[in-house]
Full PDB file with SEQRES, HELIX, SHEET, SSBOND, CRYST1, ORIGX, SCALE, CONECT and MASTER records, all heavy atoms in Angstrom:
SEQRES   1 A   33  SER CYS ALA ALA SER GLY PHE THR LEU ASP TYR TYR ALA          
SEQRES   2 A   33  ILE ALA TRP PHE ARG GLN VAL PRO GLY LYS GLU ARG GLU          
SEQRES   3 A   33  GLY VAL SER CYS ILE SER ARG                                  
HELIX    1 AA1 LEU A    9  TYR A   11  5                                   3    
SHEET    1 AA1 2 ILE A  14  ARG A  18  0                                        
SHEET    2 AA1 2 GLU A  26  ILE A  31 -1                                        
CRYST1    1.000    1.000    1.000  90.00  90.00  90.00 P 1           1          
ORIGX1      1.000000  0.000000  0.000000        0.00000                         
ORIGX2      0.000000  1.000000  0.000000        0.00000                         
ORIGX3      0.000000  0.000000  1.000000        0.00000                         
SCALE1      1.000000  0.000000  0.000000        0.00000                         
SCALE2      0.000000  1.000000  0.000000        0.00000                         
SCALE3      0.000000  0.000000  1.000000        0.00000                         
ATOM      1  N   SER A   1       6.881  -6.823  -3.478  1.00  0.00           N  
ATOM      2  CA  SER A   1       5.813  -7.573  -2.841  1.00  0.00           C  
ATOM      3  C   SER A   1       5.433  -6.941  -1.512  1.00  0.00           C  
ATOM      4  O   SER A   1       6.276  -6.332  -0.846  1.00  0.00           O  
ATOM      5  CB  SER A   1       6.255  -9.023  -2.592  1.00  0.00           C  
ATOM      6  OG  SER A   1       6.659  -9.639  -3.782  1.00  0.00           O  
ATOM      7  N   CYS A   2       4.189  -7.142  -1.140  1.00  0.00           N  
ATOM      8  CA  CYS A   2       3.681  -6.676   0.147  1.00  0.00           C  
ATOM      9  C   CYS A   2       2.996  -7.861   0.802  1.00  0.00           C  
ATOM     10  O   CYS A   2       1.909  -8.277   0.365  1.00  0.00           O  
ATOM     11  CB  CYS A   2       2.707  -5.527  -0.059  1.00  0.00           C  
ATOM     12  SG  CYS A   2       1.841  -4.994   1.428  1.00  0.00           S  
ATOM     13  N   ALA A   3       3.644  -8.435   1.805  1.00  0.00           N  
ATOM     14  CA  ALA A   3       3.102  -9.604   2.486  1.00  0.00           C  
ATOM     15  C   ALA A   3       2.436  -9.188   3.785  1.00  0.00           C  
ATOM     16  O   ALA A   3       3.004  -8.441   4.578  1.00  0.00           O  
ATOM     17  CB  ALA A   3       4.215 -10.605   2.768  1.00  0.00           C  
ATOM     18  N   ALA A   4       1.223  -9.674   3.980  1.00  0.00           N  
ATOM     19  CA  ALA A   4       0.460  -9.326   5.174  1.00  0.00           C  
ATOM     20  C   ALA A   4       0.475 -10.480   6.167  1.00  0.00           C  
ATOM     21  O   ALA A   4       0.433 -11.648   5.779  1.00  0.00           O  
ATOM     22  CB  ALA A   4      -0.972  -8.996   4.786  1.00  0.00           C  
ATOM     23  N   SER A   5       0.523 -10.141   7.425  1.00  0.00           N  
ATOM     24  CA  SER A   5       0.413 -11.153   8.478  1.00  0.00           C  
ATOM     25  C   SER A   5      -0.413 -10.589   9.607  1.00  0.00           C  
ATOM     26  O   SER A   5      -0.499  -9.373   9.793  1.00  0.00           O  
ATOM     27  CB  SER A   5       1.796 -11.573   8.971  1.00  0.00           C  
ATOM     28  OG  SER A   5       2.468 -10.480   9.554  1.00  0.00           O  
ATOM     29  N   GLY A   6      -1.045 -11.483  10.349  1.00  0.00           N  
ATOM     30  CA  GLY A   6      -1.859 -11.054  11.475  1.00  0.00           C  
ATOM     31  C   GLY A   6      -3.276 -10.672  11.084  1.00  0.00           C  
ATOM     32  O   GLY A   6      -4.078 -10.311  11.949  1.00  0.00           O  
ATOM     33  N   PHE A   7      -3.587 -10.744   9.802  1.00  0.00           N  
ATOM     34  CA  PHE A   7      -4.942 -10.446   9.362  1.00  0.00           C  
ATOM     35  C   PHE A   7      -5.156 -11.068   7.986  1.00  0.00           C  
ATOM     36  O   PHE A   7      -4.201 -11.423   7.299  1.00  0.00           O  
ATOM     37  CB  PHE A   7      -5.207  -8.935   9.315  1.00  0.00           C  
ATOM     38  CG  PHE A   7      -4.405  -8.200   8.263  1.00  0.00           C  
ATOM     39  CD1 PHE A   7      -4.987  -7.819   7.065  1.00  0.00           C  
ATOM     40  CD2 PHE A   7      -3.073  -7.889   8.482  1.00  0.00           C  
ATOM     41  CE1 PHE A   7      -4.258  -7.134   6.105  1.00  0.00           C  
ATOM     42  CE2 PHE A   7      -2.329  -7.208   7.531  1.00  0.00           C  
ATOM     43  CZ  PHE A   7      -2.919  -6.832   6.336  1.00  0.00           C  
ATOM     44  N   THR A   8      -6.413 -11.169   7.603  1.00  0.00           N  
ATOM     45  CA  THR A   8      -6.747 -11.722   6.295  1.00  0.00           C  
ATOM     46  C   THR A   8      -6.882 -10.595   5.299  1.00  0.00           C  
ATOM     47  O   THR A   8      -7.703  -9.696   5.465  1.00  0.00           O  
ATOM     48  CB  THR A   8      -8.071 -12.513   6.374  1.00  0.00           C  
ATOM     49  OG1 THR A   8      -7.939 -13.538   7.355  1.00  0.00           O  
ATOM     50  CG2 THR A   8      -8.389 -13.141   5.035  1.00  0.00           C  
ATOM     51  N   LEU A   9      -6.081 -10.666   4.265  1.00  0.00           N  
ATOM     52  CA  LEU A   9      -6.001  -9.580   3.291  1.00  0.00           C  
ATOM     53  C   LEU A   9      -7.325  -9.334   2.584  1.00  0.00           C  
ATOM     54  O   LEU A   9      -7.579  -8.231   2.092  1.00  0.00           O  
ATOM     55  CB  LEU A   9      -4.914  -9.909   2.265  1.00  0.00           C  
ATOM     56  CG  LEU A   9      -4.285  -8.756   1.513  1.00  0.00           C  
ATOM     57  CD1 LEU A   9      -3.629  -7.778   2.464  1.00  0.00           C  
ATOM     58  CD2 LEU A   9      -3.292  -9.270   0.502  1.00  0.00           C  
ATOM     59  N   ASP A  10      -8.190 -10.344   2.536  1.00  0.00           N  
ATOM     60  CA  ASP A  10      -9.465 -10.238   1.818  1.00  0.00           C  
ATOM     61  C   ASP A  10     -10.275  -9.019   2.211  1.00  0.00           C  
ATOM     62  O   ASP A  10     -11.048  -8.502   1.407  1.00  0.00           O  
ATOM     63  CB  ASP A  10     -10.339 -11.461   2.126  1.00  0.00           C  
ATOM     64  CG  ASP A  10      -9.724 -12.753   1.676  1.00  0.00           C  
ATOM     65  OD1 ASP A  10      -8.499 -12.885   1.827  1.00  0.00           O  
ATOM     66  OD2 ASP A  10     -10.461 -13.622   1.198  1.00  0.00           O  
ATOM     67  N   TYR A  11     -10.137  -8.564   3.460  1.00  0.00           N  
ATOM     68  CA  TYR A  11     -10.992  -7.494   3.961  1.00  0.00           C  
ATOM     69  C   TYR A  11     -10.397  -6.110   3.792  1.00  0.00           C  
ATOM     70  O   TYR A  11     -10.937  -5.134   4.312  1.00  0.00           O  
ATOM     71  CB  TYR A  11     -11.296  -7.741   5.443  1.00  0.00           C  
ATOM     72  CG  TYR A  11     -12.047  -9.027   5.676  1.00  0.00           C  
ATOM     73  CD1 TYR A  11     -11.393 -10.172   6.134  1.00  0.00           C  
ATOM     74  CD2 TYR A  11     -13.412  -9.120   5.426  1.00  0.00           C  
ATOM     75  CE1 TYR A  11     -12.076 -11.358   6.321  1.00  0.00           C  
ATOM     76  CE2 TYR A  11     -14.104 -10.298   5.620  1.00  0.00           C  
ATOM     77  CZ  TYR A  11     -13.426 -11.415   6.061  1.00  0.00           C  
ATOM     78  OH  TYR A  11     -14.107 -12.587   6.258  1.00  0.00           O  
ATOM     79  N   TYR A  12      -9.284  -6.029   3.043  1.00  0.00           N  
ATOM     80  CA  TYR A  12      -8.558  -4.769   2.970  1.00  0.00           C  
ATOM     81  C   TYR A  12      -8.297  -4.323   1.541  1.00  0.00           C  
ATOM     82  O   TYR A  12      -7.926  -5.136   0.683  1.00  0.00           O  
ATOM     83  CB  TYR A  12      -7.207  -4.896   3.682  1.00  0.00           C  
ATOM     84  CG  TYR A  12      -7.331  -5.040   5.169  1.00  0.00           C  
ATOM     85  CD1 TYR A  12      -7.681  -6.259   5.735  1.00  0.00           C  
ATOM     86  CD2 TYR A  12      -7.115  -3.961   6.014  1.00  0.00           C  
ATOM     87  CE1 TYR A  12      -7.822  -6.404   7.100  1.00  0.00           C  
ATOM     88  CE2 TYR A  12      -7.238  -4.097   7.380  1.00  0.00           C  
ATOM     89  CZ  TYR A  12      -7.600  -5.316   7.917  1.00  0.00           C  
ATOM     90  OH  TYR A  12      -7.740  -5.443   9.268  1.00  0.00           O  
ATOM     91  N   ALA A  13      -8.479  -3.035   1.320  1.00  0.00           N  
ATOM     92  CA  ALA A  13      -7.948  -2.416   0.114  1.00  0.00           C  
ATOM     93  C   ALA A  13      -6.472  -2.142   0.370  1.00  0.00           C  
ATOM     94  O   ALA A  13      -6.083  -1.796   1.487  1.00  0.00           O  
ATOM     95  CB  ALA A  13      -8.686  -1.127  -0.203  1.00  0.00           C  
ATOM     96  N   ILE A  14      -5.668  -2.270  -0.667  1.00  0.00           N  
ATOM     97  CA  ILE A  14      -4.219  -2.115  -0.536  1.00  0.00           C  
ATOM     98  C   ILE A  14      -3.737  -1.061  -1.530  1.00  0.00           C  
ATOM     99  O   ILE A  14      -4.225  -1.003  -2.672  1.00  0.00           O  
ATOM    100  CB  ILE A  14      -3.485  -3.439  -0.829  1.00  0.00           C  
ATOM    101  CG1 ILE A  14      -3.990  -4.545   0.100  1.00  0.00           C  
ATOM    102  CG2 ILE A  14      -1.974  -3.254  -0.696  1.00  0.00           C  
ATOM    103  CD1 ILE A  14      -3.670  -4.345   1.553  1.00  0.00           C  
ATOM    104  N   ALA A  15      -2.789  -0.272  -1.092  1.00  0.00           N  
ATOM    105  CA  ALA A  15      -2.203   0.738  -1.978  1.00  0.00           C  
ATOM    106  C   ALA A  15      -0.684   0.717  -1.856  1.00  0.00           C  
ATOM    107  O   ALA A  15      -0.137   0.335  -0.822  1.00  0.00           O  
ATOM    108  CB  ALA A  15      -2.739   2.121  -1.645  1.00  0.00           C  
ATOM    109  N   TRP A  16      -0.061   1.150  -2.919  1.00  0.00           N  
ATOM    110  CA  TRP A  16       1.392   1.367  -2.934  1.00  0.00           C  
ATOM    111  C   TRP A  16       1.646   2.871  -3.019  1.00  0.00           C  
ATOM    112  O   TRP A  16       1.010   3.571  -3.806  1.00  0.00           O  
ATOM    113  CB  TRP A  16       2.052   0.688  -4.121  1.00  0.00           C  
ATOM    114  CG  TRP A  16       2.228  -0.786  -3.969  1.00  0.00           C  
ATOM    115  CD1 TRP A  16       1.407  -1.773  -4.429  1.00  0.00           C  
ATOM    116  CD2 TRP A  16       3.315  -1.449  -3.321  1.00  0.00           C  
ATOM    117  NE1 TRP A  16       1.911  -3.011  -4.103  1.00  0.00           N  
ATOM    118  CE2 TRP A  16       3.088  -2.832  -3.423  1.00  0.00           C  
ATOM    119  CE3 TRP A  16       4.466  -1.017  -2.659  1.00  0.00           C  
ATOM    120  CZ2 TRP A  16       3.956  -3.791  -2.900  1.00  0.00           C  
ATOM    121  CZ3 TRP A  16       5.336  -1.961  -2.136  1.00  0.00           C  
ATOM    122  CH2 TRP A  16       5.077  -3.331  -2.251  1.00  0.00           C  
ATOM    123  N   PHE A  17       2.608   3.304  -2.214  1.00  0.00           N  
ATOM    124  CA  PHE A  17       3.055   4.693  -2.226  1.00  0.00           C  
ATOM    125  C   PHE A  17       4.567   4.702  -2.388  1.00  0.00           C  
ATOM    126  O   PHE A  17       5.230   3.684  -2.181  1.00  0.00           O  
ATOM    127  CB  PHE A  17       2.675   5.398  -0.914  1.00  0.00           C  
ATOM    128  CG  PHE A  17       1.200   5.528  -0.702  1.00  0.00           C  
ATOM    129  CD1 PHE A  17       0.473   4.476  -0.157  1.00  0.00           C  
ATOM    130  CD2 PHE A  17       0.532   6.693  -1.040  1.00  0.00           C  
ATOM    131  CE1 PHE A  17      -0.907   4.580   0.027  1.00  0.00           C  
ATOM    132  CE2 PHE A  17      -0.834   6.813  -0.849  1.00  0.00           C  
ATOM    133  CZ  PHE A  17      -1.546   5.751  -0.321  1.00  0.00           C  
ATOM    134  N   ARG A  18       5.096   5.855  -2.754  1.00  0.00           N  
ATOM    135  CA  ARG A  18       6.547   5.979  -2.797  1.00  0.00           C  
ATOM    136  C   ARG A  18       6.935   7.366  -2.306  1.00  0.00           C  
ATOM    137  O   ARG A  18       6.146   8.322  -2.363  1.00  0.00           O  
ATOM    138  CB  ARG A  18       7.090   5.737  -4.215  1.00  0.00           C  
ATOM    139  CG  ARG A  18       6.650   6.751  -5.264  1.00  0.00           C  
ATOM    140  CD  ARG A  18       7.111   6.299  -6.648  1.00  0.00           C  
ATOM    141  NE  ARG A  18       6.743   7.262  -7.682  1.00  0.00           N  
ATOM    142  CZ  ARG A  18       6.933   7.046  -8.984  1.00  0.00           C  
ATOM    143  NH1 ARG A  18       7.484   5.910  -9.400  1.00  0.00           N  
ATOM    144  NH2 ARG A  18       6.569   7.960  -9.862  1.00  0.00           N  
ATOM    145  N   GLN A  19       8.166   7.441  -1.827  1.00  0.00           N  
ATOM    146  CA  GLN A  19       8.634   8.699  -1.263  1.00  0.00           C  
ATOM    147  C   GLN A  19      10.122   8.853  -1.475  1.00  0.00           C  
ATOM    148  O   GLN A  19      10.888   7.898  -1.291  1.00  0.00           O  
ATOM    149  CB  GLN A  19       8.304   8.779   0.232  1.00  0.00           C  
ATOM    150  CG  GLN A  19       8.517  10.146   0.848  1.00  0.00           C  
ATOM    151  CD  GLN A  19       7.940  10.242   2.243  1.00  0.00           C  
ATOM    152  OE1 GLN A  19       7.775   9.249   2.946  1.00  0.00           O  
ATOM    153  NE2 GLN A  19       7.607  11.462   2.664  1.00  0.00           N  
ATOM    154  N   VAL A  20      10.514  10.056  -1.852  1.00  0.00           N  
ATOM    155  CA  VAL A  20      11.928  10.419  -1.927  1.00  0.00           C  
ATOM    156  C   VAL A  20      12.180  11.493  -0.890  1.00  0.00           C  
ATOM    157  O   VAL A  20      11.252  12.231  -0.512  1.00  0.00           O  
ATOM    158  CB  VAL A  20      12.319  10.909  -3.337  1.00  0.00           C  
ATOM    159  CG1 VAL A  20      12.129   9.808  -4.357  1.00  0.00           C  
ATOM    160  CG2 VAL A  20      11.523  12.141  -3.735  1.00  0.00           C  
ATOM    161  N   PRO A  21      13.409  11.596  -0.415  1.00  0.00           N  
ATOM    162  CA  PRO A  21      13.714  12.581   0.628  1.00  0.00           C  
ATOM    163  C   PRO A  21      13.315  13.985   0.210  1.00  0.00           C  
ATOM    164  O   PRO A  21      13.570  14.410  -0.923  1.00  0.00           O  
ATOM    165  CB  PRO A  21      15.227  12.457   0.800  1.00  0.00           C  
ATOM    166  CG  PRO A  21      15.533  11.067   0.381  1.00  0.00           C  
ATOM    167  CD  PRO A  21      14.582  10.759  -0.729  1.00  0.00           C  
ATOM    168  N   GLY A  22      12.651  14.687   1.110  1.00  0.00           N  
ATOM    169  CA  GLY A  22      12.272  16.063   0.843  1.00  0.00           C  
ATOM    170  C   GLY A  22      10.975  16.237   0.087  1.00  0.00           C  
ATOM    171  O   GLY A  22      10.548  17.362  -0.165  1.00  0.00           O  
ATOM    172  N   LYS A  23      10.346  15.118  -0.272  1.00  0.00           N  
ATOM    173  CA  LYS A  23       9.092  15.203  -1.009  1.00  0.00           C  
ATOM    174  C   LYS A  23       7.992  14.464  -0.266  1.00  0.00           C  
ATOM    175  O   LYS A  23       8.257  13.585   0.564  1.00  0.00           O  
ATOM    176  CB  LYS A  23       9.245  14.615  -2.412  1.00  0.00           C  
ATOM    177  CG  LYS A  23      10.107  15.454  -3.340  1.00  0.00           C  
ATOM    178  CD  LYS A  23       9.975  14.973  -4.773  1.00  0.00           C  
ATOM    179  CE  LYS A  23      10.734  15.869  -5.727  1.00  0.00           C  
ATOM    180  NZ  LYS A  23      10.592  15.427  -7.138  1.00  0.00           N  
ATOM    181  N   GLU A  24       6.753  14.811  -0.582  1.00  0.00           N  
ATOM    182  CA  GLU A  24       5.620  14.133   0.034  1.00  0.00           C  
ATOM    183  C   GLU A  24       5.475  12.718  -0.513  1.00  0.00           C  
ATOM    184  O   GLU A  24       5.913  12.422  -1.625  1.00  0.00           O  
ATOM    185  CB  GLU A  24       4.336  14.923  -0.243  1.00  0.00           C  
ATOM    186  CG  GLU A  24       4.236  16.223   0.517  1.00  0.00           C  
ATOM    187  CD  GLU A  24       2.857  16.844   0.396  1.00  0.00           C  
ATOM    188  OE1 GLU A  24       1.986  16.258  -0.266  1.00  0.00           O  
ATOM    189  OE2 GLU A  24       2.674  17.930   0.969  1.00  0.00           O  
ATOM    190  N   ARG A  25       4.843  11.890   0.313  1.00  0.00           N  
ATOM    191  CA  ARG A  25       4.564  10.529  -0.126  1.00  0.00           C  
ATOM    192  C   ARG A  25       3.556  10.579  -1.271  1.00  0.00           C  
ATOM    193  O   ARG A  25       2.538  11.260  -1.181  1.00  0.00           O  
ATOM    194  CB  ARG A  25       4.024   9.724   1.054  1.00  0.00           C  
ATOM    195  CG  ARG A  25       4.062   8.243   0.857  1.00  0.00           C  
ATOM    196  CD  ARG A  25       3.893   7.525   2.179  1.00  0.00           C  
ATOM    197  NE  ARG A  25       5.066   7.676   3.036  1.00  0.00           N  
ATOM    198  CZ  ARG A  25       5.267   6.982   4.145  1.00  0.00           C  
ATOM    199  NH1 ARG A  25       4.358   6.094   4.537  1.00  0.00           N  
ATOM    200  NH2 ARG A  25       6.343   7.166   4.865  1.00  0.00           N  
ATOM    201  N   GLU A  26       3.857   9.838  -2.324  1.00  0.00           N  
ATOM    202  CA  GLU A  26       3.060   9.881  -3.548  1.00  0.00           C  
ATOM    203  C   GLU A  26       2.332   8.564  -3.752  1.00  0.00           C  
ATOM    204  O   GLU A  26       2.949   7.492  -3.662  1.00  0.00           O  
ATOM    205  CB  GLU A  26       3.985  10.153  -4.745  1.00  0.00           C  
ATOM    206  CG  GLU A  26       3.317  10.033  -6.103  1.00  0.00           C  
ATOM    207  CD  GLU A  26       4.321  10.001  -7.251  1.00  0.00           C  
ATOM    208  OE1 GLU A  26       5.515   9.714  -6.999  1.00  0.00           O  
ATOM    209  OE2 GLU A  26       3.913  10.234  -8.389  1.00  0.00           O  
ATOM    210  N   GLY A  27       1.049   8.623  -4.029  1.00  0.00           N  
ATOM    211  CA  GLY A  27       0.294   7.423  -4.347  1.00  0.00           C  
ATOM    212  C   GLY A  27       0.685   6.897  -5.710  1.00  0.00           C  
ATOM    213  O   GLY A  27       0.754   7.652  -6.679  1.00  0.00           O  
ATOM    214  N   VAL A  28       0.971   5.602  -5.788  1.00  0.00           N  
ATOM    215  CA  VAL A  28       1.408   4.968  -7.027  1.00  0.00           C  
ATOM    216  C   VAL A  28       0.286   4.130  -7.639  1.00  0.00           C  
ATOM    217  O   VAL A  28      -0.012   4.237  -8.829  1.00  0.00           O  
ATOM    218  CB  VAL A  28       2.645   4.087  -6.774  1.00  0.00           C  
ATOM    219  CG1 VAL A  28       3.033   3.322  -8.028  1.00  0.00           C  
ATOM    220  CG2 VAL A  28       3.807   4.933  -6.277  1.00  0.00           C  
ATOM    221  N   SER A  29      -0.330   3.297  -6.789  1.00  0.00           N  
ATOM    222  CA  SER A  29      -1.356   2.392  -7.288  1.00  0.00           C  
ATOM    223  C   SER A  29      -2.169   1.875  -6.117  1.00  0.00           C  
ATOM    224  O   SER A  29      -1.722   1.907  -4.966  1.00  0.00           O  
ATOM    225  CB  SER A  29      -0.709   1.225  -8.035  1.00  0.00           C  
ATOM    226  OG  SER A  29      -1.695   0.358  -8.574  1.00  0.00           O  
ATOM    227  N   CYS A  30      -3.376   1.404  -6.407  1.00  0.00           N  
ATOM    228  CA  CYS A  30      -4.185   0.783  -5.369  1.00  0.00           C  
ATOM    229  C   CYS A  30      -5.031  -0.306  -6.000  1.00  0.00           C  
ATOM    230  O   CYS A  30      -5.259  -0.327  -7.219  1.00  0.00           O  
ATOM    231  CB  CYS A  30      -5.046   1.794  -4.628  1.00  0.00           C  
ATOM    232  SG  CYS A  30      -6.398   2.494  -5.594  1.00  0.00           S  
ATOM    233  N   ILE A  31      -5.505  -1.228  -5.147  1.00  0.00           N  
ATOM    234  CA  ILE A  31      -6.314  -2.338  -5.614  1.00  0.00           C  
ATOM    235  C   ILE A  31      -7.396  -2.637  -4.593  1.00  0.00           C  
ATOM    236  O   ILE A  31      -7.155  -2.625  -3.388  1.00  0.00           O  
ATOM    237  CB  ILE A  31      -5.426  -3.573  -5.899  1.00  0.00           C  
ATOM    238  CG1 ILE A  31      -6.220  -4.686  -6.573  1.00  0.00           C  
ATOM    239  CG2 ILE A  31      -4.738  -4.067  -4.623  1.00  0.00           C  
ATOM    240  CD1 ILE A  31      -5.336  -5.790  -7.166  1.00  0.00           C  
ATOM    241  N   SER A  32      -8.598  -2.903  -5.080  1.00  0.00           N  
ATOM    242  CA  SER A  32      -9.717  -3.167  -4.194  1.00  0.00           C  
ATOM    243  C   SER A  32      -9.655  -4.587  -3.648  1.00  0.00           C  
ATOM    244  O   SER A  32      -8.830  -5.395  -4.070  1.00  0.00           O  
ATOM    245  CB  SER A  32     -11.036  -2.947  -4.945  1.00  0.00           C  
ATOM    246  OG  SER A  32     -11.114  -3.827  -6.071  1.00  0.00           O  
ATOM    247  N   ARG A  33     -10.553  -4.892  -2.740  1.00  0.00           N  
ATOM    248  CA  ARG A  33     -10.542  -6.181  -2.053  1.00  0.00           C  
ATOM    249  C   ARG A  33     -10.569  -7.359  -3.007  1.00  0.00           C  
ATOM    250  O   ARG A  33      -9.870  -8.354  -2.811  1.00  0.00           O  
ATOM    251  CB  ARG A  33     -11.737  -6.267  -1.108  1.00  0.00           C  
ATOM    252  CG  ARG A  33     -11.599  -5.475   0.165  1.00  0.00           C  
ATOM    253  CD  ARG A  33     -12.844  -5.543   0.993  1.00  0.00           C  
ATOM    254  NE  ARG A  33     -13.215  -6.927   1.291  1.00  0.00           N  
ATOM    255  CZ  ARG A  33     -14.347  -7.273   1.902  1.00  0.00           C  
ATOM    256  NH1 ARG A  33     -15.217  -6.345   2.271  1.00  0.00           N  
ATOM    257  NH2 ARG A  33     -14.624  -8.539   2.145  1.00  0.00           N  
TER     258      ARG A  33                                                      
MASTER        0    0    0    1    2    0    0    6  257    1    0    3          
END                                                                             
């Protein structure tokens, strides 16, 4: 889960990334507003 605070999520696109040591951060998924 990704919980947001301090702002209303409605105005933001959200993405998930993942990273393992020694490798670049990899885009996993994203979702529009």
